[in-house]
Amino acid sequence: MANNDASIKHSVRAEKTRKFAGGSRALPALPALTPRGVLAHAGRDRMRTLVFVAFSWCALAMSTGIAGCKSVSERPLTDTEGRTFSARCERSGACKFTQTSGARREGAKSAQALLQTGRLVGICDVEPSQAPGAPSDCRALVCQADADCPPGHGLKDGQCLNALCSDPAQPLNSSDSVMLCLAGAGLGRDQPRQVERFALGLNCGSPCKVPAPCRQP
């Protein structure tokens, strides 16, 4: 009986030939499939199926706008001066802006960039391709929901606290205080009221406490 089994396995492993018009071509022998081999083969097929399904889901999500696979999002942002911007933001917090309404800054500072050195998130008027300078060129972003705030820390949205885009894990600092004291003072920093408010916000003490005449966080 054992000799018969060995003969059968040997015949399965033998090379086979297939005839073509120009002659015959030898095909490599196919290994005999054991129960363990069948399971391993099925497992590889299942893994390939799962990878394909996952890839297809992400492709569908990105094409239909479903959140979860998207790393870039678009949202409107509003500052304390009533300006609105269309922002295209990565989850890292980097954004590109297009102003859609409100007063426009005159002069060289025609572009915008985000500032977050403390608790609040502000939008600053800057020269194109430049980083924010003094916080007097920045105004705090206002909100009604988390989706109104730029994302950060790899999250889909920022955080809206007391109608301001904020990071509650960070302490208040003088930049936050300056932006809150300049809220509603208009664009720029050269008007007498703006100069006064800037000085007021800059001296918020340590730890920083926003002066009473200014908007509170």
N, C-alpha and C. Protein backbone atom coordinates (compact mmCIF):
# COMPACT_ATOMS: atom_id res chain seq x y z
N MET A 1 0.84 -1.22 0.00
CA MET A 1 0.00 0.00 0.00
C MET A 1 0.86 1.25 0.00
N ALA A 2 1.97 1.20 0.81
CA ALA A 2 2.89 2.34 0.88
C ALA A 2 3.56 2.55 -0.46
N ASN A 3 3.92 1.42 -1.16
CA ASN A 3 4.57 1.56 -2.45
C ASN A 3 3.64 2.20 -3.46
N ASN A 4 2.33 1.86 -3.40
CA ASN A 4 1.36 2.47 -4.31
C ASN A 4 1.26 3.98 -4.09
N ASP A 5 1.21 4.39 -2.80
CA ASP A 5 1.12 5.84 -2.49
C ASP A 5 2.32 6.58 -3.02
N ALA A 6 3.52 5.97 -2.85
CA ALA A 6 4.75 6.63 -3.32
C ALA A 6 4.72 6.75 -4.84
N SER A 7 4.19 5.72 -5.50
CA SER A 7 4.13 5.75 -6.96
C SER A 7 3.20 6.85 -7.45
N ILE A 8 2.06 7.01 -6.73
CA ILE A 8 1.10 8.06 -7.11
C ILE A 8 1.72 9.44 -6.95
N LYS A 9 2.38 9.68 -5.79
CA LYS A 9 3.02 10.98 -5.55
C LYS A 9 4.09 11.25 -6.61
N HIS A 10 4.85 10.18 -6.98
CA HIS A 10 5.90 10.34 -7.97
C HIS A 10 5.30 10.74 -9.32
N SER A 11 4.17 10.16 -9.65
CA SER A 11 3.55 10.48 -10.93
C SER A 11 3.02 11.90 -10.95
N VAL A 12 2.54 12.40 -9.77
CA VAL A 12 2.05 13.78 -9.70
C VAL A 12 3.18 14.77 -9.88
N ARG A 13 4.35 14.42 -9.32
CA ARG A 13 5.49 15.31 -9.39
C ARG A 13 6.20 15.26 -10.74
N ALA A 14 5.92 14.29 -11.55
CA ALA A 14 6.64 14.13 -12.83
C ALA A 14 6.33 15.29 -13.75
N GLU A 15 7.28 15.58 -14.60
CA GLU A 15 7.07 16.66 -15.56
C GLU A 15 6.05 16.23 -16.60
N LYS A 16 5.24 17.20 -17.00
CA LYS A 16 4.23 16.95 -18.02
C LYS A 16 4.58 17.73 -19.27
N THR A 17 4.11 17.29 -20.37
CA THR A 17 4.37 17.98 -21.64
C THR A 17 3.05 18.36 -22.27
N ARG A 18 3.10 19.52 -22.97
CA ARG A 18 1.93 19.99 -23.70
C ARG A 18 2.36 20.25 -25.14
N LYS A 19 1.60 19.75 -26.07
CA LYS A 19 1.98 19.86 -27.47
C LYS A 19 1.51 21.18 -28.05
N PHE A 20 2.39 21.78 -28.79
CA PHE A 20 2.07 23.00 -29.51
C PHE A 20 2.29 22.74 -31.00
N ALA A 21 1.95 23.76 -31.82
CA ALA A 21 2.10 23.58 -33.26
C ALA A 21 3.54 23.31 -33.64
N GLY A 22 4.48 23.94 -32.95
CA GLY A 22 5.87 23.77 -33.31
C GLY A 22 6.55 22.67 -32.55
N GLY A 23 5.88 21.88 -31.77
CA GLY A 23 6.53 20.83 -31.00
C GLY A 23 5.92 20.72 -29.63
N SER A 24 6.72 20.35 -28.67
CA SER A 24 6.23 20.21 -27.31
C SER A 24 7.07 21.05 -26.37
N ARG A 25 6.48 21.43 -25.21
CA ARG A 25 7.15 22.29 -24.24
C ARG A 25 6.98 21.67 -22.86
N ALA A 26 8.06 21.51 -22.16
CA ALA A 26 8.01 20.90 -20.83
C ALA A 26 7.55 21.91 -19.81
N LEU A 27 6.62 21.53 -18.98
CA LEU A 27 6.13 22.37 -17.90
C LEU A 27 6.72 21.89 -16.59
N PRO A 28 7.06 22.82 -15.66
CA PRO A 28 7.62 22.39 -14.38
C PRO A 28 6.60 21.60 -13.60
N ALA A 29 7.12 20.67 -12.81
CA ALA A 29 6.24 19.83 -12.01
C ALA A 29 5.55 20.64 -10.94
N LEU A 30 4.32 20.33 -10.67
CA LEU A 30 3.54 21.00 -9.62
C LEU A 30 3.70 20.23 -8.31
N PRO A 31 3.99 20.94 -7.23
CA PRO A 31 4.15 20.26 -5.95
C PRO A 31 2.82 19.72 -5.46
N ALA A 32 2.89 18.59 -4.78
CA ALA A 32 1.67 18.02 -4.20
C ALA A 32 1.20 18.91 -3.07
N LEU A 33 -0.10 19.18 -3.01
CA LEU A 33 -0.67 20.03 -1.96
C LEU A 33 -1.10 19.17 -0.78
N THR A 34 -0.49 19.46 0.37
CA THR A 34 -0.89 18.81 1.61
C THR A 34 -1.98 19.66 2.24
N PRO A 35 -2.72 19.14 3.24
CA PRO A 35 -3.73 19.97 3.93
C PRO A 35 -3.13 21.25 4.49
N ARG A 36 -1.91 21.20 5.02
CA ARG A 36 -1.28 22.41 5.56
C ARG A 36 -1.01 23.41 4.44
N GLY A 37 -0.55 22.88 3.27
CA GLY A 37 -0.28 23.76 2.14
C GLY A 37 -1.54 24.43 1.63
N VAL A 38 -2.65 23.69 1.61
CA VAL A 38 -3.93 24.26 1.17
C VAL A 38 -4.34 25.40 2.08
N LEU A 39 -4.19 25.24 3.40
CA LEU A 39 -4.56 26.29 4.36
C LEU A 39 -3.67 27.51 4.19
N ALA A 40 -2.36 27.30 4.00
CA ALA A 40 -1.45 28.42 3.82
C ALA A 40 -1.79 29.20 2.57
N HIS A 41 -2.10 28.47 1.48
CA HIS A 41 -2.49 29.13 0.23
C HIS A 41 -3.76 29.95 0.42
N ALA A 42 -4.74 29.38 1.13
CA ALA A 42 -6.00 30.10 1.39
C ALA A 42 -5.75 31.33 2.24
N GLY A 43 -4.83 31.22 3.21
CA GLY A 43 -4.52 32.37 4.06
C GLY A 43 -3.91 33.51 3.27
N ARG A 44 -3.01 33.20 2.32
CA ARG A 44 -2.41 34.25 1.50
C ARG A 44 -3.46 34.91 0.62
N ASP A 45 -4.38 34.13 0.08
CA ASP A 45 -5.45 34.70 -0.73
C ASP A 45 -6.31 35.65 0.12
N ARG A 46 -6.61 35.24 1.34
CA ARG A 46 -7.45 36.08 2.22
C ARG A 46 -6.74 37.39 2.56
N MET A 47 -5.40 37.32 2.81
CA MET A 47 -4.65 38.53 3.11
C MET A 47 -4.65 39.49 1.93
N ARG A 48 -4.45 38.93 0.71
CA ARG A 48 -4.49 39.78 -0.48
C ARG A 48 -5.85 40.43 -0.65
N THR A 49 -6.90 39.69 -0.32
CA THR A 49 -8.26 40.24 -0.42
C THR A 49 -8.46 41.38 0.57
N LEU A 50 -7.97 41.22 1.82
CA LEU A 50 -8.12 42.26 2.83
C LEU A 50 -7.37 43.52 2.44
N VAL A 51 -6.14 43.35 1.91
CA VAL A 51 -5.36 44.51 1.48
C VAL A 51 -6.07 45.24 0.35
N PHE A 52 -6.62 44.47 -0.61
CA PHE A 52 -7.34 45.09 -1.72
C PHE A 52 -8.56 45.85 -1.23
N VAL A 53 -9.31 45.26 -0.29
CA VAL A 53 -10.52 45.91 0.25
C VAL A 53 -10.15 47.20 0.98
N ALA A 54 -9.07 47.16 1.79
CA ALA A 54 -8.66 48.35 2.53
C ALA A 54 -8.24 49.46 1.57
N PHE A 55 -7.47 49.09 0.53
CA PHE A 55 -7.06 50.09 -0.45
C PHE A 55 -8.27 50.67 -1.17
N SER A 56 -9.21 49.81 -1.53
CA SER A 56 -10.41 50.27 -2.23
C SER A 56 -11.23 51.20 -1.35
N TRP A 57 -11.32 50.91 -0.04
CA TRP A 57 -12.09 51.75 0.87
C TRP A 57 -11.48 53.13 0.96
N CYS A 58 -10.13 53.21 1.10
CA CYS A 58 -9.48 54.51 1.17
C CYS A 58 -9.68 55.28 -0.13
N ALA A 59 -9.58 54.59 -1.25
CA ALA A 59 -9.78 55.27 -2.54
C ALA A 59 -11.21 55.80 -2.64
N LEU A 60 -12.19 55.00 -2.20
CA LEU A 60 -13.58 55.43 -2.22
C LEU A 60 -13.79 56.59 -1.27
N ALA A 61 -13.18 56.52 -0.08
CA ALA A 61 -13.35 57.60 0.91
C ALA A 61 -12.81 58.90 0.39
N MET A 62 -11.63 58.86 -0.25
CA MET A 62 -11.05 60.11 -0.75
C MET A 62 -11.86 60.66 -1.92
N SER A 63 -12.42 59.78 -2.75
CA SER A 63 -13.17 60.26 -3.91
C SER A 63 -14.53 60.80 -3.52
N THR A 64 -15.07 60.34 -2.41
CA THR A 64 -16.41 60.79 -1.99
C THR A 64 -16.37 61.77 -0.84
N GLY A 65 -15.17 62.12 -0.36
CA GLY A 65 -15.07 63.13 0.69
C GLY A 65 -15.29 62.60 2.09
N ILE A 66 -15.27 61.27 2.27
CA ILE A 66 -15.45 60.71 3.60
C ILE A 66 -14.20 60.95 4.42
N ALA A 67 -14.38 61.48 5.64
CA ALA A 67 -13.23 61.73 6.51
C ALA A 67 -12.67 60.41 7.00
N GLY A 68 -11.39 60.42 7.33
CA GLY A 68 -10.78 59.22 7.86
C GLY A 68 -9.54 58.86 7.08
N CYS A 69 -9.57 58.97 5.75
CA CYS A 69 -8.40 58.72 4.93
C CYS A 69 -7.83 60.03 4.37
N LYS A 70 -8.51 61.15 4.59
CA LYS A 70 -8.06 62.42 4.05
C LYS A 70 -7.06 63.06 4.99
N SER A 71 -5.94 63.56 4.46
CA SER A 71 -4.95 64.26 5.27
C SER A 71 -5.05 65.77 5.07
N VAL A 72 -5.82 66.21 4.09
CA VAL A 72 -5.99 67.64 3.81
C VAL A 72 -7.49 67.96 3.82
N SER A 73 -7.84 69.06 4.48
CA SER A 73 -9.25 69.45 4.55
C SER A 73 -9.38 70.93 4.21
N GLU A 74 -10.56 71.31 3.80
CA GLU A 74 -10.86 72.72 3.51
C GLU A 74 -11.95 73.19 4.47
N ARG A 75 -11.80 74.42 4.97
CA ARG A 75 -12.76 74.96 5.93
C ARG A 75 -12.69 76.49 5.91
N PRO A 76 -13.79 77.18 6.26
CA PRO A 76 -13.73 78.63 6.43
C PRO A 76 -13.21 78.97 7.82
N LEU A 77 -12.41 80.02 7.91
CA LEU A 77 -11.91 80.52 9.19
C LEU A 77 -12.28 81.99 9.31
N THR A 78 -12.57 82.44 10.53
CA THR A 78 -12.97 83.83 10.79
C THR A 78 -12.15 84.39 11.94
N ASP A 79 -11.69 85.65 11.79
CA ASP A 79 -10.95 86.27 12.89
C ASP A 79 -11.80 87.31 13.62
N THR A 80 -11.24 87.90 14.67
CA THR A 80 -12.00 88.83 15.50
C THR A 80 -12.36 90.12 14.78
N GLU A 81 -11.76 90.37 13.60
CA GLU A 81 -12.07 91.58 12.84
C GLU A 81 -13.14 91.33 11.78
N GLY A 82 -13.72 90.10 11.80
CA GLY A 82 -14.79 89.77 10.87
C GLY A 82 -14.32 89.33 9.50
N ARG A 83 -13.01 89.16 9.34
CA ARG A 83 -12.51 88.66 8.05
C ARG A 83 -12.74 87.16 7.97
N THR A 84 -13.05 86.66 6.78
CA THR A 84 -13.20 85.22 6.58
C THR A 84 -12.19 84.75 5.52
N PHE A 85 -11.73 83.54 5.71
CA PHE A 85 -10.73 82.95 4.83
C PHE A 85 -11.15 81.52 4.48
N SER A 86 -10.86 81.13 3.25
CA SER A 86 -10.97 79.73 2.88
C SER A 86 -9.60 79.12 3.13
N ALA A 87 -9.54 78.13 4.03
CA ALA A 87 -8.27 77.54 4.42
C ALA A 87 -8.19 76.09 3.97
N ARG A 88 -7.08 75.75 3.36
CA ARG A 88 -6.80 74.36 2.98
C ARG A 88 -5.68 73.89 3.90
N CYS A 89 -6.03 72.98 4.83
CA CYS A 89 -5.12 72.65 5.92
C CYS A 89 -4.76 71.17 5.95
N GLU A 90 -3.50 70.91 6.28
CA GLU A 90 -3.05 69.56 6.57
C GLU A 90 -3.28 69.30 8.05
N ARG A 91 -3.29 68.01 8.43
CA ARG A 91 -3.53 67.67 9.83
C ARG A 91 -2.39 68.10 10.75
N SER A 92 -1.24 68.40 10.16
CA SER A 92 -0.12 68.92 10.94
C SER A 92 -0.37 70.35 11.40
N GLY A 93 -1.34 71.05 10.75
CA GLY A 93 -1.65 72.43 11.09
C GLY A 93 -1.20 73.42 10.03
N ALA A 94 -0.43 72.98 9.05
CA ALA A 94 -0.01 73.87 7.96
C ALA A 94 -1.19 74.16 7.05
N CYS A 95 -1.40 75.46 6.73
CA CYS A 95 -2.57 75.87 5.94
C CYS A 95 -2.17 76.84 4.83
N LYS A 96 -2.98 76.86 3.78
CA LYS A 96 -2.91 77.87 2.74
C LYS A 96 -4.24 78.63 2.74
N PHE A 97 -4.17 79.96 2.60
CA PHE A 97 -5.36 80.80 2.79
C PHE A 97 -5.72 81.59 1.54
N THR A 98 -7.04 81.76 1.38
CA THR A 98 -7.57 82.70 0.40
C THR A 98 -8.62 83.54 1.12
N GLN A 99 -8.43 84.85 1.19
CA GLN A 99 -9.41 85.69 1.88
C GLN A 99 -10.66 85.82 1.03
N THR A 100 -11.81 85.62 1.67
CA THR A 100 -13.08 85.63 0.95
C THR A 100 -13.95 86.83 1.29
N SER A 101 -13.74 87.48 2.43
CA SER A 101 -14.53 88.67 2.77
C SER A 101 -13.82 89.45 3.88
N GLY A 102 -14.29 90.68 4.07
CA GLY A 102 -13.74 91.53 5.13
C GLY A 102 -12.66 92.47 4.64
N ALA A 103 -12.20 93.33 5.55
CA ALA A 103 -11.16 94.31 5.23
C ALA A 103 -9.86 93.60 4.83
N ARG A 104 -9.11 94.25 3.95
CA ARG A 104 -7.84 93.68 3.50
C ARG A 104 -6.68 94.56 3.96
N ARG A 105 -5.63 93.93 4.38
CA ARG A 105 -4.45 94.65 4.84
C ARG A 105 -3.74 95.30 3.66
N GLU A 106 -3.43 96.58 3.78
CA GLU A 106 -2.71 97.29 2.73
C GLU A 106 -1.21 97.15 2.95
N GLY A 107 -0.46 97.33 1.88
CA GLY A 107 0.99 97.27 2.00
C GLY A 107 1.54 95.90 1.64
N ALA A 108 2.77 95.64 2.13
CA ALA A 108 3.49 94.43 1.74
C ALA A 108 2.94 93.17 2.39
N LYS A 109 2.27 93.33 3.53
CA LYS A 109 1.78 92.15 4.26
C LYS A 109 0.42 91.72 3.73
N SER A 110 0.47 91.09 2.57
CA SER A 110 -0.76 90.72 1.86
C SER A 110 -1.11 89.25 2.01
N ALA A 111 -0.24 88.48 2.66
CA ALA A 111 -0.49 87.04 2.84
C ALA A 111 -0.81 86.77 4.31
N GLN A 112 -1.17 85.52 4.60
CA GLN A 112 -1.54 85.15 5.97
C GLN A 112 -0.81 83.88 6.41
N ALA A 113 -0.60 83.78 7.72
CA ALA A 113 0.01 82.59 8.32
C ALA A 113 -0.56 82.44 9.72
N LEU A 114 -0.56 81.20 10.20
CA LEU A 114 -1.08 80.94 11.54
C LEU A 114 -0.01 81.20 12.59
N LEU A 115 -0.47 81.64 13.76
CA LEU A 115 0.40 81.80 14.93
C LEU A 115 -0.22 81.05 16.10
N GLN A 116 0.57 80.19 16.73
CA GLN A 116 0.15 79.53 17.96
C GLN A 116 1.38 79.28 18.82
N THR A 117 1.70 80.25 19.64
CA THR A 117 2.82 80.10 20.57
C THR A 117 2.34 79.83 21.99
N GLY A 118 1.05 80.00 22.21
CA GLY A 118 0.47 79.74 23.52
C GLY A 118 -0.82 78.96 23.41
N ARG A 119 -1.89 79.46 24.00
CA ARG A 119 -3.16 78.74 23.99
C ARG A 119 -3.99 79.03 22.75
N LEU A 120 -3.99 80.26 22.28
CA LEU A 120 -4.88 80.66 21.18
C LEU A 120 -4.23 80.44 19.82
N VAL A 121 -5.11 80.29 18.81
CA VAL A 121 -4.67 80.21 17.42
C VAL A 121 -5.04 81.53 16.76
N GLY A 122 -4.06 82.20 16.18
CA GLY A 122 -4.31 83.47 15.51
C GLY A 122 -3.92 83.40 14.05
N ILE A 123 -4.45 84.33 13.27
CA ILE A 123 -4.07 84.45 11.86
C ILE A 123 -3.37 85.79 11.70
N CYS A 124 -2.20 85.77 11.08
CA CYS A 124 -1.33 86.95 11.01
C CYS A 124 -1.18 87.43 9.58
N ASP A 125 -1.08 88.74 9.41
CA ASP A 125 -0.76 89.32 8.12
C ASP A 125 0.76 89.32 7.98
N VAL A 126 1.24 88.71 6.91
CA VAL A 126 2.68 88.56 6.69
C VAL A 126 3.01 88.86 5.23
N GLU A 127 4.28 89.11 4.97
CA GLU A 127 4.72 89.18 3.59
C GLU A 127 4.70 87.78 2.99
N PRO A 128 4.44 87.65 1.70
CA PRO A 128 4.36 86.31 1.10
C PRO A 128 5.57 85.45 1.43
N SER A 129 5.29 84.20 1.83
CA SER A 129 6.31 83.19 2.15
C SER A 129 7.08 83.49 3.44
N GLN A 130 6.61 84.44 4.24
CA GLN A 130 7.29 84.78 5.48
C GLN A 130 6.52 84.23 6.69
N ALA A 131 7.25 84.02 7.79
CA ALA A 131 6.63 83.56 9.04
C ALA A 131 6.07 84.76 9.80
N PRO A 132 5.15 84.53 10.73
CA PRO A 132 4.61 85.63 11.53
C PRO A 132 5.69 86.34 12.33
N GLY A 133 5.52 87.66 12.48
CA GLY A 133 6.44 88.46 13.27
C GLY A 133 5.83 88.81 14.62
N ALA A 134 5.60 90.10 14.83
CA ALA A 134 5.03 90.55 16.10
C ALA A 134 3.56 90.14 16.19
N PRO A 135 3.07 89.79 17.40
CA PRO A 135 1.66 89.40 17.54
C PRO A 135 0.69 90.54 17.26
N SER A 136 1.19 91.77 17.16
CA SER A 136 0.31 92.89 16.83
C SER A 136 -0.20 92.80 15.40
N ASP A 137 0.43 91.97 14.58
CA ASP A 137 -0.06 91.74 13.21
C ASP A 137 -1.04 90.57 13.15
N CYS A 138 -1.38 90.01 14.30
CA CYS A 138 -2.21 88.81 14.34
C CYS A 138 -3.53 89.08 15.05
N ARG A 139 -4.54 88.33 14.67
CA ARG A 139 -5.83 88.41 15.34
C ARG A 139 -6.31 86.98 15.64
N ALA A 140 -6.96 86.82 16.78
CA ALA A 140 -7.42 85.50 17.20
C ALA A 140 -8.52 84.98 16.27
N LEU A 141 -8.55 83.67 16.07
CA LEU A 141 -9.60 83.03 15.29
C LEU A 141 -10.79 82.73 16.18
N VAL A 142 -11.99 83.08 15.71
CA VAL A 142 -13.21 82.83 16.48
C VAL A 142 -13.94 81.64 15.88
N CYS A 143 -14.84 81.06 16.66
CA CYS A 143 -15.48 79.81 16.22
C CYS A 143 -16.79 79.58 16.96
N GLN A 144 -17.56 78.64 16.42
CA GLN A 144 -18.77 78.14 17.08
C GLN A 144 -18.69 76.64 17.32
N ALA A 145 -17.79 75.98 16.60
CA ALA A 145 -17.61 74.53 16.72
C ALA A 145 -16.17 74.18 16.38
N ASP A 146 -15.78 72.95 16.72
CA ASP A 146 -14.40 72.51 16.45
C ASP A 146 -14.06 72.58 14.97
N ALA A 147 -15.05 72.33 14.11
CA ALA A 147 -14.80 72.35 12.67
C ALA A 147 -14.45 73.74 12.14
N ASP A 148 -14.68 74.78 12.96
CA ASP A 148 -14.35 76.15 12.57
C ASP A 148 -12.89 76.48 12.84
N CYS A 149 -12.14 75.54 13.40
CA CYS A 149 -10.75 75.78 13.79
C CYS A 149 -9.81 74.92 12.95
N PRO A 150 -8.60 75.41 12.65
CA PRO A 150 -7.65 74.62 11.87
C PRO A 150 -7.20 73.39 12.66
N PRO A 151 -6.93 72.29 11.98
CA PRO A 151 -6.52 71.07 12.66
C PRO A 151 -5.10 71.20 13.22
N GLY A 152 -4.76 70.29 14.10
CA GLY A 152 -3.43 70.26 14.68
C GLY A 152 -3.20 68.95 15.39
N HIS A 153 -1.95 68.63 15.65
CA HIS A 153 -1.58 67.40 16.38
C HIS A 153 -2.10 66.15 15.67
N GLY A 154 -2.28 66.22 14.34
CA GLY A 154 -2.74 65.07 13.59
C GLY A 154 -4.23 64.81 13.66
N LEU A 155 -4.99 65.70 14.31
CA LEU A 155 -6.43 65.52 14.45
C LEU A 155 -7.17 66.15 13.28
N LYS A 156 -8.42 65.74 13.11
CA LYS A 156 -9.23 66.23 11.99
C LYS A 156 -9.56 67.71 12.14
N ASP A 157 -9.91 68.15 13.36
CA ASP A 157 -10.28 69.54 13.63
C ASP A 157 -9.47 70.07 14.81
N GLY A 158 -9.50 71.39 14.95
CA GLY A 158 -8.94 72.01 16.14
C GLY A 158 -9.96 71.97 17.26
N GLN A 159 -9.79 72.85 18.27
CA GLN A 159 -10.72 72.88 19.40
C GLN A 159 -11.28 74.30 19.57
N CYS A 160 -12.57 74.36 19.77
CA CYS A 160 -13.26 75.63 19.97
C CYS A 160 -13.67 75.73 21.44
N LEU A 161 -13.09 76.68 22.15
CA LEU A 161 -13.38 76.89 23.57
C LEU A 161 -13.70 78.36 23.80
N ASN A 162 -14.87 78.62 24.39
CA ASN A 162 -15.30 80.00 24.65
C ASN A 162 -15.26 80.84 23.37
N ALA A 163 -15.68 80.22 22.27
CA ALA A 163 -15.78 80.89 20.96
C ALA A 163 -14.43 81.32 20.40
N LEU A 164 -13.34 80.70 20.89
CA LEU A 164 -12.00 80.98 20.37
C LEU A 164 -11.31 79.67 20.04
N CYS A 165 -10.57 79.64 18.93
CA CYS A 165 -9.79 78.45 18.59
C CYS A 165 -8.61 78.36 19.56
N SER A 166 -8.56 77.28 20.32
CA SER A 166 -7.62 77.20 21.43
C SER A 166 -7.07 75.80 21.59
N ASP A 167 -5.95 75.73 22.33
CA ASP A 167 -5.39 74.46 22.79
C ASP A 167 -5.36 74.53 24.31
N PRO A 168 -6.34 73.92 24.98
CA PRO A 168 -6.44 74.06 26.44
C PRO A 168 -5.26 73.48 27.20
N ALA A 169 -4.45 72.68 26.52
CA ALA A 169 -3.29 72.09 27.20
C ALA A 169 -2.14 73.08 27.33
N GLN A 170 -2.24 74.22 26.63
CA GLN A 170 -1.17 75.21 26.65
C GLN A 170 -1.53 76.40 27.54
N PRO A 171 -0.56 76.98 28.21
CA PRO A 171 -0.83 78.16 29.04
C PRO A 171 -0.98 79.42 28.20
N LEU A 172 -1.66 80.40 28.73
CA LEU A 172 -1.74 81.70 28.07
C LEU A 172 -0.37 82.37 28.10
N ASN A 173 -0.06 83.11 27.04
CA ASN A 173 1.16 83.90 27.05
C ASN A 173 0.88 85.31 26.53
N SER A 174 1.91 86.12 26.41
CA SER A 174 1.72 87.52 26.03
C SER A 174 1.17 87.67 24.61
N SER A 175 1.51 86.75 23.70
CA SER A 175 0.94 86.81 22.34
C SER A 175 -0.57 86.63 22.37
N ASP A 176 -1.05 85.69 23.20
CA ASP A 176 -2.49 85.49 23.36
C ASP A 176 -3.13 86.77 23.89
N SER A 177 -2.50 87.35 24.92
CA SER A 177 -3.05 88.55 25.55
C SER A 177 -3.11 89.71 24.56
N VAL A 178 -2.05 89.88 23.75
CA VAL A 178 -2.04 90.95 22.74
C VAL A 178 -3.17 90.76 21.73
N MET A 179 -3.35 89.53 21.23
CA MET A 179 -4.42 89.29 20.25
C MET A 179 -5.80 89.58 20.84
N LEU A 180 -6.00 89.22 22.10
CA LEU A 180 -7.30 89.47 22.73
C LEU A 180 -7.52 90.95 22.99
N CYS A 181 -6.47 91.66 23.35
CA CYS A 181 -6.62 93.11 23.58
C CYS A 181 -6.82 93.88 22.28
N LEU A 182 -6.30 93.34 21.17
CA LEU A 182 -6.48 93.99 19.87
C LEU A 182 -7.75 93.54 19.17
N ALA A 183 -8.50 92.62 19.75
CA ALA A 183 -9.75 92.15 19.13
C ALA A 183 -10.71 93.31 18.94
N GLY A 184 -11.17 93.49 17.72
CA GLY A 184 -12.11 94.57 17.41
C GLY A 184 -11.46 95.91 17.17
N ALA A 185 -10.13 95.97 17.20
CA ALA A 185 -9.43 97.24 17.01
C ALA A 185 -9.08 97.50 15.55
N GLY A 186 -9.47 96.60 14.65
CA GLY A 186 -9.16 96.78 13.23
C GLY A 186 -7.80 96.21 12.88
N LEU A 187 -7.49 96.27 11.58
CA LEU A 187 -6.22 95.72 11.10
C LEU A 187 -5.08 96.69 11.35
N GLY A 188 -3.88 96.14 11.45
CA GLY A 188 -2.71 96.99 11.64
C GLY A 188 -2.37 97.16 13.12
N ARG A 189 -1.38 98.03 13.38
CA ARG A 189 -0.91 98.24 14.75
C ARG A 189 -0.45 99.66 15.01
N ASP A 190 -0.73 100.57 14.07
CA ASP A 190 -0.18 101.93 14.17
C ASP A 190 -1.16 102.97 14.69
N GLN A 191 -2.45 102.65 14.73
CA GLN A 191 -3.42 103.61 15.24
C GLN A 191 -3.23 103.78 16.76
N PRO A 192 -3.51 104.98 17.29
CA PRO A 192 -3.31 105.22 18.73
C PRO A 192 -3.98 104.18 19.62
N ARG A 193 -5.21 103.81 19.30
CA ARG A 193 -5.91 102.81 20.12
C ARG A 193 -5.21 101.46 20.03
N GLN A 194 -4.69 101.13 18.86
CA GLN A 194 -4.00 99.86 18.68
C GLN A 194 -2.69 99.84 19.47
N VAL A 195 -1.97 100.95 19.46
CA VAL A 195 -0.72 101.05 20.21
C VAL A 195 -0.99 100.89 21.70
N GLU A 196 -2.05 101.51 22.18
CA GLU A 196 -2.42 101.42 23.59
C GLU A 196 -2.81 99.99 23.97
N ARG A 197 -3.61 99.37 23.12
CA ARG A 197 -4.05 98.01 23.39
C ARG A 197 -2.90 97.01 23.33
N PHE A 198 -1.98 97.25 22.41
CA PHE A 198 -0.82 96.36 22.31
C PHE A 198 -0.01 96.40 23.60
N ALA A 199 0.25 97.59 24.11
CA ALA A 199 1.02 97.74 25.35
C ALA A 199 0.28 97.10 26.52
N LEU A 200 -1.05 97.24 26.53
CA LEU A 200 -1.86 96.66 27.60
C LEU A 200 -1.76 95.13 27.59
N GLY A 201 -1.88 94.56 26.42
CA GLY A 201 -1.83 93.11 26.31
C GLY A 201 -0.46 92.54 26.57
N LEU A 202 0.58 93.30 26.20
CA LEU A 202 1.94 92.80 26.34
C LEU A 202 2.34 92.62 27.81
N ASN A 203 1.78 93.43 28.67
CA ASN A 203 2.11 93.38 30.09
C ASN A 203 1.05 92.58 30.85
N CYS A 204 1.00 91.28 30.59
CA CYS A 204 -0.04 90.44 31.21
C CYS A 204 0.48 89.72 32.45
N GLY A 205 1.75 89.93 32.79
CA GLY A 205 2.29 89.32 34.01
C GLY A 205 2.73 87.88 33.80
N SER A 206 3.14 87.27 34.91
CA SER A 206 3.58 85.87 34.89
C SER A 206 3.10 85.17 36.17
N PRO A 207 2.22 84.16 36.04
CA PRO A 207 1.62 83.68 34.78
C PRO A 207 0.74 84.74 34.15
N CYS A 208 0.58 84.62 32.83
CA CYS A 208 -0.14 85.64 32.07
C CYS A 208 -1.63 85.65 32.43
N LYS A 209 -2.12 86.84 32.70
CA LYS A 209 -3.55 87.05 32.93
C LYS A 209 -4.01 88.20 32.05
N VAL A 210 -4.94 87.92 31.16
CA VAL A 210 -5.39 88.93 30.20
C VAL A 210 -6.05 90.09 30.96
N PRO A 211 -5.62 91.35 30.71
CA PRO A 211 -6.19 92.48 31.42
C PRO A 211 -7.70 92.58 31.27
N ALA A 212 -8.35 93.08 32.28
CA ALA A 212 -9.81 93.11 32.33
C ALA A 212 -10.47 93.86 31.17
N PRO A 213 -9.91 94.97 30.65
CA PRO A 213 -10.59 95.67 29.55
C PRO A 213 -10.62 94.86 28.25
N CYS A 214 -9.82 93.82 28.18
CA CYS A 214 -9.68 93.07 26.91
C CYS A 214 -10.65 91.87 26.89
N ARG A 215 -10.84 91.33 25.70
CA ARG A 215 -11.64 90.11 25.57
C ARG A 215 -10.96 89.00 26.37
N GLN A 216 -11.77 88.22 27.05
CA GLN A 216 -11.23 87.16 27.91
C GLN A 216 -11.24 85.81 27.18
N PRO A 217 -10.24 84.95 27.50
CA PRO A 217 -10.15 83.66 26.80
C PRO A 217 -11.21 82.68 27.28
